[in-house]
C-alpha cells in the first residue's frame, strides 16, 4: 500500500499520536519510507549563526511519518 502514496494524496493517520487525523502529503521520502504531511508533525529547530544566516534563529521543519502508519483516503 505504501508504494501507492504520492505527493498531493489525502491520507488518514492510522497509528501514533496523530491517529485519526486527515492531511495532504507535501513530500514523500522513499529512501527512509516517510511522508511529510501538511500541518502535522512540524517541529521547531534552532539554527546556529552562520555566514549565510548571521542571525541564527528558529526554523519550522516537517518531521516524517512512516508510510506504514498512513492510509489513502477516498475522495
Protein backbone atom coordinates (compact mmCIF):
# COMPACT_ATOMS: atom_id res chain seq x y z
CA UNK A 1 0.00 0.00 0.00
CA UNK A 2 2.80 2.43 0.83
CA UNK A 3 4.04 2.30 -2.76
CA UNK A 4 0.75 3.83 -3.92
CA UNK A 5 1.17 7.04 -1.89
CA UNK A 6 2.45 10.14 -3.68
CA UNK A 7 2.63 13.90 -3.23
CA UNK A 8 -0.81 15.54 -3.20
CA UNK A 9 -2.73 12.49 -1.94
CA UNK A 10 -5.07 12.83 1.01
CA UNK A 11 -4.28 10.32 3.74
CA UNK A 12 -5.57 9.31 7.16
CA UNK A 13 -3.15 8.56 10.00
CA UNK A 14 -3.94 5.12 11.42
CA UNK A 15 -1.32 4.91 14.20
CA UNK A 16 0.64 7.17 16.53
CA UNK A 17 -0.04 10.43 18.36
CA UNK A 18 -1.96 11.96 15.45
CA UNK A 19 -4.19 8.91 14.90
CA UNK A 20 -7.44 9.72 13.10
CA UNK A 21 -6.29 12.99 11.53
CA UNK A 22 -6.63 13.55 7.78
CA UNK A 23 -4.00 15.55 5.86
CA UNK A 24 -2.44 16.09 2.45
CA UNK A 25 1.03 14.75 1.59
CA UNK A 26 3.58 17.51 0.96
CA UNK A 27 6.62 15.31 0.26
CA UNK A 28 7.47 11.60 0.19
CA UNK A 29 10.94 10.30 1.06
CA UNK A 30 11.03 6.77 -0.39
CA UNK A 31 14.57 6.12 0.87
CA UNK A 32 13.58 6.46 4.53
CA UNK A 33 9.97 5.41 3.97
CA UNK A 34 8.45 8.57 5.43
CA UNK A 35 5.91 11.15 4.30
CA UNK A 36 5.68 14.81 5.33
CA UNK A 37 2.08 15.92 5.93
CA UNK A 38 0.64 19.41 5.66
CA UNK A 39 0.26 20.97 9.13
CA UNK A 40 1.08 17.78 11.05
CA UNK A 41 4.27 16.83 12.90
CA UNK A 42 6.01 20.19 12.47
CA UNK A 43 8.91 20.81 14.85
CA UNK A 44 10.94 23.93 15.63
CA UNK A 45 14.68 23.61 15.06
CA UNK A 46 17.19 26.12 16.42
CA UNK A 47 19.66 27.27 13.78
CA UNK A 48 23.22 28.21 14.62
CA UNK A 49 24.51 31.54 13.28
CA UNK A 50 26.50 31.01 10.06
CA UNK A 51 27.94 33.11 7.28
CA UNK A 52 24.73 32.68 5.25
CA UNK A 53 22.44 33.15 8.27
CA UNK A 54 24.24 35.62 10.58
CA UNK A 55 21.30 36.00 13.00
CA UNK A 56 20.68 32.30 13.52
CA UNK A 57 17.19 31.81 14.99
CA UNK A 58 14.49 29.16 14.66
CA UNK A 59 13.05 27.28 11.69
CA UNK A 60 9.94 25.11 11.41
CA UNK A 61 10.62 21.75 9.72
CA UNK A 62 8.44 18.76 8.84
CA UNK A 63 9.18 15.50 10.62
CA UNK A 64 8.18 12.49 8.58
CA UNK A 65 5.53 9.93 9.47
CA UNK A 66 6.21 6.33 8.47
CA UNK A 67 4.31 5.25 5.35
CA UNK A 68 3.01 2.16 7.14
CA UNK A 69 1.05 4.45 9.50
CA UNK A 70 -0.86 6.09 6.65
CA UNK A 71 -3.95 5.01 4.73
CA UNK A 72 -5.08 6.60 1.47
CA UNK A 73 -8.40 8.43 1.85
CA UNK A 74 -11.06 8.14 -0.86
CA UNK A 75 -12.35 11.41 -2.30
